[in-house]
Amino acid sequence: MKKIIAVILCVFMLYSIMTLSCAAAPIREMHWYCARRQNGKQALAPQELAVVESHGGVYIDHLHDDHNPEKVVYLTFDAGYENGNVAKILDILKETDTPAAFFVLEHLASENPALLRRMKEEGHLICNHTASHKNLSHADKAEIEEEIKRLEMAVQHATGEGTSPYFRPPEGSFSLEMLDSVASLGYKTVFWSFAYADWDNNKQPGAAFAEKKIFENIHNGAVLLLHPTSDTNAAVLLPVITRLKQDGYRFGTLDELCRAR
């Protein structure tokens, strides 16, 4: 009997140690990127980051791959404020009948509600980029939910409707635990397969450089991330859209992309 009790105690102690060890495992913060490939080849997420797809994330259209003759791209913008360029971007999208998704912050929703209403009226998706552009990699579910719900409420107040169920983490910083929390709130996390340094208004790349960068790296199934506050993007968006359509691309929506998954 004493031997049995001793064995049971040992097993219990081992289980307790393993449980505490797992509970104390640190959250690993990761930073999104894709490896670019030229000549029209799809960008590739490194193996350690491709795991986002099993945690409610998406970054590319695998259906429209290098071998699919139908050419599709998805245009997305991260929009935190208005400096005149967001309206210019909307003008171009309307002129070219091009759908897009806008991942917005609370500031834009509260300070420019008419702009958000225009996005809705012209058929674009308004998506969640958190309320305050906070890195949520190490946040618990309650804090993640608070940031997401605050943005939802701001969009609801501005437009009378909530956000589309798509989330983009600020600066591409995330953890798998964060992705799981976001998914449990009914959102799919949308990363990207192409972006470039367009976010700093004091260090804008030239228009020729931007167009070259985009067309060197465009590929079928691409999810493009651009910042609509960029002077350069406001200048190059029309020729970029025009050339992509001439080259046989159509612009899909995140609803289409995520339904396919």
C-alpha atoms as a PDB file:
ATOM      1  CA  MET A   1       0.000   0.000   0.000  1.00  0.00           C
ATOM      2  CA  LYS A   2       2.825   2.417   0.901  1.00  0.00           C
ATOM      3  CA  LYS A   3       4.463   1.760  -2.471  1.00  0.00           C
ATOM      4  CA  ILE A   4       1.182   2.507  -4.291  1.00  0.00           C
ATOM      5  CA  ILE A   5       0.726   5.759  -2.381  1.00  0.00           C
ATOM      6  CA  ALA A   6       4.315   6.729  -3.127  1.00  0.00           C
ATOM      7  CA  VAL A   7       3.811   6.072  -6.839  1.00  0.00           C
ATOM      8  CA  ILE A   8       0.597   8.113  -6.859  1.00  0.00           C
ATOM      9  CA  LEU A   9       2.331  10.994  -5.105  1.00  0.00           C
ATOM     10  CA  CYS A  10       5.200  10.899  -7.596  1.00  0.00           C
ATOM     11  CA  VAL A  11       2.814  10.938 -10.542  1.00  0.00           C
ATOM     12  CA  PHE A  12       0.864  13.838  -9.021  1.00  0.00           C
ATOM     13  CA  MET A  13       4.031  15.818  -8.366  1.00  0.00           C
ATOM     14  CA  LEU A  14       5.271  15.218 -11.931  1.00  0.00           C
ATOM     15  CA  TYR A  15       1.922  16.309 -13.369  1.00  0.00           C
ATOM     16  CA  SER A  16       1.942  19.446 -11.222  1.00  0.00           C
ATOM     17  CA  ILE A  17       5.457  20.350 -12.332  1.00  0.00           C
ATOM     18  CA  MET A  18       4.570  19.851 -16.020  1.00  0.00           C
ATOM     19  CA  THR A  19       1.387  21.914 -15.639  1.00  0.00           C
ATOM     20  CA  LEU A  20       3.207  24.783 -13.966  1.00  0.00           C
ATOM     21  CA  SER A  21       5.927  24.630 -16.590  1.00  0.00           C
ATOM     22  CA  CYS A  22       3.420  24.872 -19.425  1.00  0.00           C
ATOM     23  CA  ALA A  23       1.513  27.692 -17.716  1.00  0.00           C
ATOM     24  CA  ALA A  24       4.726  29.639 -17.266  1.00  0.00           C
ATOM     25  CA  ALA A  25       5.846  29.259 -20.898  1.00  0.00           C
ATOM     26  CA  PRO A  26       6.526  32.760 -22.246  1.00  0.00           C
ATOM     27  CA  ILE A  27       4.467  34.145 -25.110  1.00  0.00           C
ATOM     28  CA  ARG A  28       6.577  34.458 -28.221  1.00  0.00           C
ATOM     29  CA  GLU A  29       6.186  37.724 -30.115  1.00  0.00           C
ATOM     30  CA  MET A  30       6.537  37.372 -33.880  1.00  0.00           C
ATOM     31  CA  HIS A  31       6.758  39.906 -36.705  1.00  0.00           C
ATOM     32  CA  TRP A  32       5.124  39.268 -40.051  1.00  0.00           C
ATOM     33  CA  TYR A  33       6.955  39.342 -43.365  1.00  0.00           C
ATOM     34  CA  CYS A  34       6.970  37.486 -46.677  1.00  0.00           C
ATOM     35  CA  ALA A  35       9.944  36.526 -48.805  1.00  0.00           C
ATOM     36  CA  ARG A  36       9.524  38.227 -52.177  1.00  0.00           C
ATOM     37  CA  ARG A  37      10.037  36.396 -55.446  1.00  0.00           C
ATOM     38  CA  GLN A  38      10.286  38.166 -58.768  1.00  0.00           C
ATOM     39  CA  ASN A  39       9.016  37.217 -62.236  1.00  0.00           C
ATOM     40  CA  GLY A  40       5.440  36.989 -61.007  1.00  0.00           C
ATOM     41  CA  LYS A  41       6.022  34.180 -58.516  1.00  0.00           C
ATOM     42  CA  GLN A  42       3.971  34.136 -55.326  1.00  0.00           C
ATOM     43  CA  ALA A  43       5.662  35.469 -52.215  1.00  0.00           C
ATOM     44  CA  LEU A  44       6.398  32.903 -49.519  1.00  0.00           C
ATOM     45  CA  ALA A  45       5.905  33.125 -45.776  1.00  0.00           C
ATOM     46  CA  PRO A  46       8.767  31.504 -43.864  1.00  0.00           C
ATOM     47  CA  GLN A  47       7.782  28.206 -42.263  1.00  0.00           C
ATOM     48  CA  GLU A  48       7.708  29.612 -38.737  1.00  0.00           C
ATOM     49  CA  LEU A  49       5.233  32.314 -39.803  1.00  0.00           C
ATOM     50  CA  ALA A  50       3.075  30.253 -42.170  1.00  0.00           C
ATOM     51  CA  VAL A  51       1.600  28.698 -39.016  1.00  0.00           C
ATOM     52  CA  VAL A  52      -0.690  31.750 -38.831  1.00  0.00           C
ATOM     53  CA  GLU A  53      -3.010  29.972 -41.255  1.00  0.00           C
ATOM     54  CA  SER A  54      -3.798  27.309 -38.656  1.00  0.00           C
ATOM     55  CA  HIS A  55      -4.641  30.047 -36.131  1.00  0.00           C
ATOM     56  CA  GLY A  56      -7.294  31.946 -38.085  1.00  0.00           C
ATOM     57  CA  GLY A  57      -4.948  33.979 -40.267  1.00  0.00           C
ATOM     58  CA  VAL A  58      -4.607  34.568 -44.005  1.00  0.00           C
ATOM     59  CA  TYR A  59      -1.935  36.348 -46.054  1.00  0.00           C
ATOM     60  CA  ILE A  60      -2.292  35.166 -49.639  1.00  0.00           C
ATOM     61  CA  ASP A  61      -4.726  33.499 -52.041  1.00  0.00           C
ATOM     62  CA  HIS A  62      -3.399  29.964 -52.426  1.00  0.00           C
ATOM     63  CA  LEU A  63      -6.181  29.105 -54.880  1.00  0.00           C
ATOM     64  CA  HIS A  64      -4.980  31.738 -57.343  1.00  0.00           C
ATOM     65  CA  ASP A  65      -1.395  30.536 -57.356  1.00  0.00           C
ATOM     66  CA  ASP A  66       1.374  30.568 -59.958  1.00  0.00           C
ATOM     67  CA  HIS A  67      -0.486  27.981 -62.042  1.00  0.00           C
ATOM     68  CA  ASN A  68      -3.983  29.504 -62.062  1.00  0.00           C
ATOM     69  CA  PRO A  69      -4.659  31.443 -65.278  1.00  0.00           C
ATOM     70  CA  GLU A  70      -7.162  33.701 -63.500  1.00  0.00           C
ATOM     71  CA  LYS A  71      -5.230  36.641 -62.072  1.00  0.00           C
ATOM     72  CA  VAL A  72      -6.517  38.186 -58.834  1.00  0.00           C
ATOM     73  CA  VAL A  73      -5.104  40.673 -56.325  1.00  0.00           C
ATOM     74  CA  TYR A  74      -6.549  42.083 -53.108  1.00  0.00           C
ATOM     75  CA  LEU A  75      -6.079  45.751 -52.233  1.00  0.00           C
ATOM     76  CA  THR A  76      -5.938  46.657 -48.530  1.00  0.00           C
ATOM     77  CA  PHE A  77      -5.095  49.888 -46.701  1.00  0.00           C
ATOM     78  CA  ASP A  78      -4.084  50.604 -43.092  1.00  0.00           C
ATOM     79  CA  ALA A  79      -5.676  53.956 -42.263  1.00  0.00           C
ATOM     80  CA  GLY A  80      -5.134  55.748 -38.962  1.00  0.00           C
ATOM     81  CA  TYR A  81      -5.950  59.358 -39.865  1.00  0.00           C
ATOM     82  CA  GLU A  82      -6.789  61.660 -42.752  1.00  0.00           C
ATOM     83  CA  ASN A  83      -4.356  64.140 -44.274  1.00  0.00           C
ATOM     84  CA  GLY A  84      -6.196  64.649 -47.557  1.00  0.00           C
ATOM     85  CA  ASN A  85      -4.774  61.562 -49.237  1.00  0.00           C
ATOM     86  CA  VAL A  86      -7.384  59.090 -47.997  1.00  0.00           C
ATOM     87  CA  ALA A  87     -10.070  61.041 -49.846  1.00  0.00           C
ATOM     88  CA  LYS A  88      -7.848  61.107 -52.955  1.00  0.00           C
ATOM     89  CA  ILE A  89      -7.434  57.337 -52.710  1.00  0.00           C
ATOM     90  CA  LEU A  90     -11.212  56.928 -52.490  1.00  0.00           C
ATOM     91  CA  ASP A  91     -11.620  59.141 -55.566  1.00  0.00           C
ATOM     92  CA  ILE A  92      -9.298  56.854 -57.534  1.00  0.00           C
ATOM     93  CA  LEU A  93     -11.042  53.698 -56.331  1.00  0.00           C
ATOM     94  CA  LYS A  94     -14.392  55.154 -57.371  1.00  0.00           C
ATOM     95  CA  GLU A  95     -13.071  56.291 -60.754  1.00  0.00           C
ATOM     96  CA  THR A  96     -11.666  52.838 -61.511  1.00  0.00           C
ATOM     97  CA  ASP A  97     -14.484  50.854 -59.845  1.00  0.00           C
ATOM     98  CA  THR A  98     -11.961  49.050 -57.640  1.00  0.00           C
ATOM     99  CA  PRO A  99     -12.923  47.449 -54.304  1.00  0.00           C
ATOM    100  CA  ALA A 100     -10.643  47.696 -51.285  1.00  0.00           C
ATOM    101  CA  ALA A 101     -10.507  46.974 -47.566  1.00  0.00           C
ATOM    102  CA  PHE A 102      -9.606  49.689 -45.054  1.00  0.00           C
ATOM    103  CA  PHE A 103      -8.186  48.640 -41.689  1.00  0.00           C
ATOM    104  CA  VAL A 104      -8.967  51.676 -39.565  1.00  0.00           C
ATOM    105  CA  LEU A 105      -8.185  53.067 -36.118  1.00  0.00           C
ATOM    106  CA  GLU A 106     -10.503  54.810 -33.671  1.00  0.00           C
ATOM    107  CA  HIS A 107      -9.045  58.245 -34.483  1.00  0.00           C
ATOM    108  CA  LEU A 108     -10.095  58.060 -38.125  1.00  0.00           C
ATOM    109  CA  ALA A 109     -13.555  56.779 -37.224  1.00  0.00           C
ATOM    110  CA  SER A 110     -14.208  59.466 -34.608  1.00  0.00           C
ATOM    111  CA  GLU A 111     -12.596  62.413 -36.402  1.00  0.00           C
ATOM    112  CA  ASN A 112     -13.692  61.606 -39.971  1.00  0.00           C
ATOM    113  CA  PRO A 113     -17.033  59.771 -39.795  1.00  0.00           C
ATOM    114  CA  ALA A 114     -18.083  61.092 -43.203  1.00  0.00           C
ATOM    115  CA  LEU A 115     -15.037  59.443 -44.730  1.00  0.00           C
ATOM    116  CA  LEU A 116     -16.027  56.088 -43.227  1.00  0.00           C
ATOM    117  CA  ARG A 117     -19.581  56.500 -44.451  1.00  0.00           C
ATOM    118  CA  ARG A 118     -18.198  57.124 -47.919  1.00  0.00           C
ATOM    119  CA  MET A 119     -16.149  53.925 -47.718  1.00  0.00           C
ATOM    120  CA  LYS A 120     -19.294  51.979 -46.875  1.00  0.00           C
ATOM    121  CA  GLU A 121     -21.427  53.686 -49.516  1.00  0.00           C
ATOM    122  CA  GLU A 122     -18.846  53.032 -52.233  1.00  0.00           C
ATOM    123  CA  GLY A 123     -18.627  49.327 -51.462  1.00  0.00           C
ATOM    124  CA  HIS A 124     -15.390  49.046 -49.500  1.00  0.00           C
ATOM    125  CA  LEU A 125     -14.876  46.968 -46.370  1.00  0.00           C
ATOM    126  CA  ILE A 126     -14.127  48.712 -43.076  1.00  0.00           C
ATOM    127  CA  CYS A 127     -11.975  46.398 -40.983  1.00  0.00           C
ATOM    128  CA  ASN A 128     -10.388  46.369 -37.536  1.00  0.00           C
ATOM    129  CA  HIS A 129      -6.847  47.643 -36.906  1.00  0.00           C
ATOM    130  CA  THR A 130      -7.435  48.054 -33.125  1.00  0.00           C
ATOM    131  CA  ALA A 131      -8.608  51.250 -31.485  1.00  0.00           C
ATOM    132  CA  SER A 132      -5.221  52.693 -30.556  1.00  0.00           C
ATOM    133  CA  HIS A 133      -2.668  50.877 -32.750  1.00  0.00           C
ATOM    134  CA  LYS A 134      -1.455  48.968 -29.704  1.00  0.00           C
ATOM    135  CA  ASN A 135       0.868  45.973 -29.927  1.00  0.00           C
ATOM    136  CA  LEU A 136      -1.309  43.156 -28.583  1.00  0.00           C
ATOM    137  CA  SER A 137       1.224  40.338 -28.868  1.00  0.00           C
ATOM    138  CA  HIS A 138       1.480  39.913 -25.097  1.00  0.00           C
ATOM    139  CA  ALA A 139      -2.024  41.105 -24.200  1.00  0.00           C
ATOM    140  CA  ASP A 140      -4.569  38.852 -22.537  1.00  0.00           C
ATOM    141  CA  LYS A 141      -7.891  38.155 -24.178  1.00  0.00           C
ATOM    142  CA  ALA A 142      -9.700  40.847 -22.180  1.00  0.00           C
ATOM    143  CA  GLU A 143      -7.335  43.568 -23.399  1.00  0.00           C
ATOM    144  CA  ILE A 144      -7.515  42.315 -26.988  1.00  0.00           C
ATOM    145  CA  GLU A 145     -11.296  42.302 -26.828  1.00  0.00           C
ATOM    146  CA  GLU A 146     -11.347  45.826 -25.378  1.00  0.00           C
ATOM    147  CA  GLU A 147      -9.248  47.205 -28.260  1.00  0.00           C
ATOM    148  CA  ILE A 148     -11.328  45.421 -30.885  1.00  0.00           C
ATOM    149  CA  LYS A 149     -14.689  46.341 -29.348  1.00  0.00           C
ATOM    150  CA  ARG A 150     -13.706  50.013 -28.956  1.00  0.00           C
ATOM    151  CA  LEU A 151     -12.978  50.184 -32.667  1.00  0.00           C
ATOM    152  CA  GLU A 152     -16.225  48.380 -33.467  1.00  0.00           C
ATOM    153  CA  MET A 153     -18.172  50.921 -31.418  1.00  0.00           C
ATOM    154  CA  ALA A 154     -16.417  53.856 -33.109  1.00  0.00           C
ATOM    155  CA  VAL A 155     -17.249  52.491 -36.561  1.00  0.00           C
ATOM    156  CA  GLN A 156     -20.823  51.746 -35.477  1.00  0.00           C
ATOM    157  CA  HIS A 157     -21.202  55.317 -34.257  1.00  0.00           C
ATOM    158  CA  ALA A 158     -19.754  56.724 -37.496  1.00  0.00           C
ATOM    159  CA  THR A 159     -21.599  54.562 -40.011  1.00  0.00           C
ATOM    160  CA  GLY A 160     -24.492  52.858 -38.244  1.00  0.00           C
ATOM    161  CA  GLU A 161     -22.874  49.497 -38.930  1.00  0.00           C
ATOM    162  CA  GLY A 162     -20.062  47.477 -37.375  1.00  0.00           C
ATOM    163  CA  THR A 163     -16.791  46.407 -38.928  1.00  0.00           C
ATOM    164  CA  SER A 164     -16.267  43.568 -41.352  1.00  0.00           C
ATOM    165  CA  PRO A 165     -14.833  40.509 -39.523  1.00  0.00           C
ATOM    166  CA  TYR A 166     -11.217  41.093 -40.522  1.00  0.00           C
ATOM    167  CA  PHE A 167      -8.398  42.168 -38.217  1.00  0.00           C
ATOM    168  CA  ARG A 168      -4.857  43.350 -38.861  1.00  0.00           C
ATOM    169  CA  PRO A 169      -2.360  43.602 -35.991  1.00  0.00           C
ATOM    170  CA  PRO A 170      -0.466  46.908 -35.788  1.00  0.00           C
ATOM    171  CA  GLU A 171       2.974  46.719 -37.416  1.00  0.00           C
ATOM    172  CA  GLY A 172       2.426  43.018 -38.078  1.00  0.00           C
ATOM    173  CA  SER A 173       3.380  42.130 -34.488  1.00  0.00           C
ATOM    174  CA  PHE A 174       1.554  39.100 -33.118  1.00  0.00           C
ATOM    175  CA  SER A 175       1.661  35.902 -31.127  1.00  0.00           C
ATOM    176  CA  LEU A 176      -0.201  32.659 -31.734  1.00  0.00           C
ATOM    177  CA  GLU A 177      -2.093  33.249 -28.500  1.00  0.00           C
ATOM    178  CA  MET A 178      -3.210  36.631 -29.819  1.00  0.00           C
ATOM    179  CA  LEU A 179      -4.382  35.074 -33.102  1.00  0.00           C
ATOM    180  CA  ASP A 180      -6.430  32.501 -31.179  1.00  0.00           C
ATOM    181  CA  SER A 181      -8.049  35.236 -29.083  1.00  0.00           C
ATOM    182  CA  VAL A 182      -8.874  37.265 -32.186  1.00  0.00           C
ATOM    183  CA  ALA A 183     -10.379  34.186 -33.857  1.00  0.00           C
ATOM    184  CA  SER A 184     -12.510  33.485 -30.778  1.00  0.00           C
ATOM    185  CA  LEU A 185     -13.968  36.985 -31.180  1.00  0.00           C
ATOM    186  CA  GLY A 186     -15.131  36.113 -34.695  1.00  0.00           C
ATOM    187  CA  TYR A 187     -12.330  37.740 -36.673  1.00  0.00           C
ATOM    188  CA  LYS A 188      -9.933  36.452 -39.277  1.00  0.00           C
ATOM    189  CA  THR A 189      -6.494  38.028 -39.069  1.00  0.00           C
ATOM    190  CA  VAL A 190      -5.379  39.349 -42.462  1.00  0.00           C
ATOM    191  CA  PHE A 191      -1.651  39.817 -43.076  1.00  0.00           C
ATOM    192  CA  TRP A 192      -0.175  40.572 -46.530  1.00  0.00           C
ATOM    193  CA  SER A 193       2.149  39.266 -49.209  1.00  0.00           C
ATOM    194  CA  PHE A 194       3.377  42.686 -50.365  1.00  0.00           C
ATOM    195  CA  ALA A 195       4.126  45.935 -48.537  1.00  0.00           C
ATOM    196  CA  TYR A 196       6.835  48.550 -48.801  1.00  0.00           C
ATOM    197  CA  ALA A 197       8.122  51.521 -46.771  1.00  0.00           C
ATOM    198  CA  ASP A 198       5.314  53.981 -47.489  1.00  0.00           C
ATOM    199  CA  TRP A 199       4.159  54.867 -43.959  1.00  0.00           C
ATOM    200  CA  ASP A 200       6.491  57.733 -43.018  1.00  0.00           C
ATOM    201  CA  ASN A 201       5.161  60.957 -44.545  1.00  0.00           C
ATOM    202  CA  ASN A 202       8.535  62.601 -43.986  1.00  0.00           C
ATOM    203  CA  LYS A 203      10.412  59.909 -45.908  1.00  0.00           C
ATOM    204  CA  GLN A 204       8.244  59.172 -48.903  1.00  0.00           C
ATOM    205  CA  PRO A 205       9.759  57.113 -51.736  1.00  0.00           C
ATOM    206  CA  GLY A 206       9.588  58.572 -55.217  1.00  0.00           C
ATOM    207  CA  ALA A 207       6.712  57.614 -57.498  1.00  0.00           C
ATOM    208  CA  ALA A 208       8.998  55.856 -60.004  1.00  0.00           C
ATOM    209  CA  PHE A 209      10.593  53.823 -57.210  1.00  0.00           C
ATOM    210  CA  ALA A 210       7.183  52.844 -55.799  1.00  0.00           C
ATOM    211  CA  GLU A 211       5.784  51.721 -59.138  1.00  0.00           C
ATOM    212  CA  LYS A 212       8.932  49.720 -59.883  1.00  0.00           C
ATOM    213  CA  LYS A 213       8.797  48.063 -56.457  1.00  0.00           C
ATOM    214  CA  ILE A 214       5.151  47.100 -56.868  1.00  0.00           C
ATOM    215  CA  PHE A 215       5.445  45.704 -60.376  1.00  0.00           C
ATOM    216  CA  GLU A 216       8.647  43.804 -59.632  1.00  0.00           C
ATOM    217  CA  ASN A 217       6.870  41.972 -56.836  1.00  0.00           C
ATOM    218  CA  ILE A 218       3.261  41.671 -57.960  1.00  0.00           C
ATOM    219  CA  HIS A 219       1.986  38.114 -58.169  1.00  0.00           C
ATOM    220  CA  ASN A 220      -1.231  36.193 -58.507  1.00  0.00           C
ATOM    221  CA  GLY A 221      -3.225  36.005 -55.294  1.00  0.00           C
ATOM    222  CA  ALA A 222      -1.371  38.935 -53.739  1.00  0.00           C
ATOM    223  CA  VAL A 223      -2.707  40.740 -50.686  1.00  0.00           C
ATOM    224  CA  LEU A 224      -1.320  44.267 -51.040  1.00  0.00           C
ATOM    225  CA  LEU A 225      -0.845  46.492 -47.994  1.00  0.00           C
ATOM    226  CA  LEU A 226      -0.611  50.236 -48.666  1.00  0.00           C
ATOM    227  CA  HIS A 227      -0.989  53.279 -46.423  1.00  0.00           C
ATOM    228  CA  PRO A 228      -3.533  55.731 -47.830  1.00  0.00           C
ATOM    229  CA  THR A 229      -1.939  58.713 -46.077  1.00  0.00           C
ATOM    230  CA  SER A 230       1.086  58.354 -48.360  1.00  0.00           C
ATOM    231  CA  ASP A 231       1.625  61.133 -50.915  1.00  0.00           C
ATOM    232  CA  THR A 232       3.354  58.598 -53.134  1.00  0.00           C
ATOM    233  CA  ASN A 233       0.487  56.138 -53.030  1.00  0.00           C
ATOM    234  CA  ALA A 234      -1.980  58.896 -53.852  1.00  0.00           C
ATOM    235  CA  ALA A 235       0.167  59.689 -56.902  1.00  0.00           C
ATOM    236  CA  VAL A 236       0.785  56.149 -58.172  1.00  0.00           C
ATOM    237  CA  LEU A 237      -2.459  54.338 -57.338  1.00  0.00           C
ATOM    238  CA  LEU A 238      -4.240  55.255 -60.570  1.00  0.00           C
ATOM    239  CA  PRO A 239      -1.428  54.117 -62.903  1.00  0.00           C
ATOM    240  CA  VAL A 240      -0.884  50.994 -60.781  1.00  0.00           C
ATOM    241  CA  ILE A 241      -4.546  49.985 -60.929  1.00  0.00           C
ATOM    242  CA  THR A 242      -4.736  50.821 -64.622  1.00  0.00           C
ATOM    243  CA  ARG A 243      -1.686  48.731 -65.510  1.00  0.00           C
ATOM    244  CA  LEU A 244      -2.737  45.776 -63.339  1.00  0.00           C
ATOM    245  CA  LYS A 245      -6.113  45.674 -65.071  1.00  0.00           C
ATOM    246  CA  GLN A 246      -4.428  45.958 -68.466  1.00  0.00           C
ATOM    247  CA  ASP A 247      -2.202  43.033 -67.451  1.00  0.00           C
ATOM    248  CA  GLY A 248      -5.287  40.907 -66.799  1.00  0.00           C
ATOM    249  CA  TYR A 249      -5.656  41.228 -63.034  1.00  0.00           C
ATOM    250  CA  ARG A 250      -8.972  41.746 -61.329  1.00  0.00           C
ATOM    251  CA  PHE A 251      -9.393  43.071 -57.805  1.00  0.00           C
ATOM    252  CA  GLY A 252     -11.022  40.654 -55.383  1.00  0.00           C
ATOM    253  CA  THR A 253     -12.466  41.290 -51.924  1.00  0.00           C
ATOM    254  CA  LEU A 254     -11.516  39.852 -48.553  1.00  0.00           C
ATOM    255  CA  ASP A 255     -14.971  38.288 -48.390  1.00  0.00           C
ATOM    256  CA  GLU A 256     -14.124  36.344 -51.527  1.00  0.00           C
ATOM    257  CA  LEU A 257     -10.650  35.431 -50.285  1.00  0.00           C
ATOM    258  CA  CYS A 258     -11.813  34.173 -46.903  1.00  0.00           C
ATOM    259  CA  ARG A 259     -14.831  32.296 -48.273  1.00  0.00           C
ATOM    260  CA  ALA A 260     -12.445  30.397 -50.556  1.00  0.00           C
ATOM    261  CA  ARG A 261     -10.492  29.319 -47.487  1.00  0.00           C
END
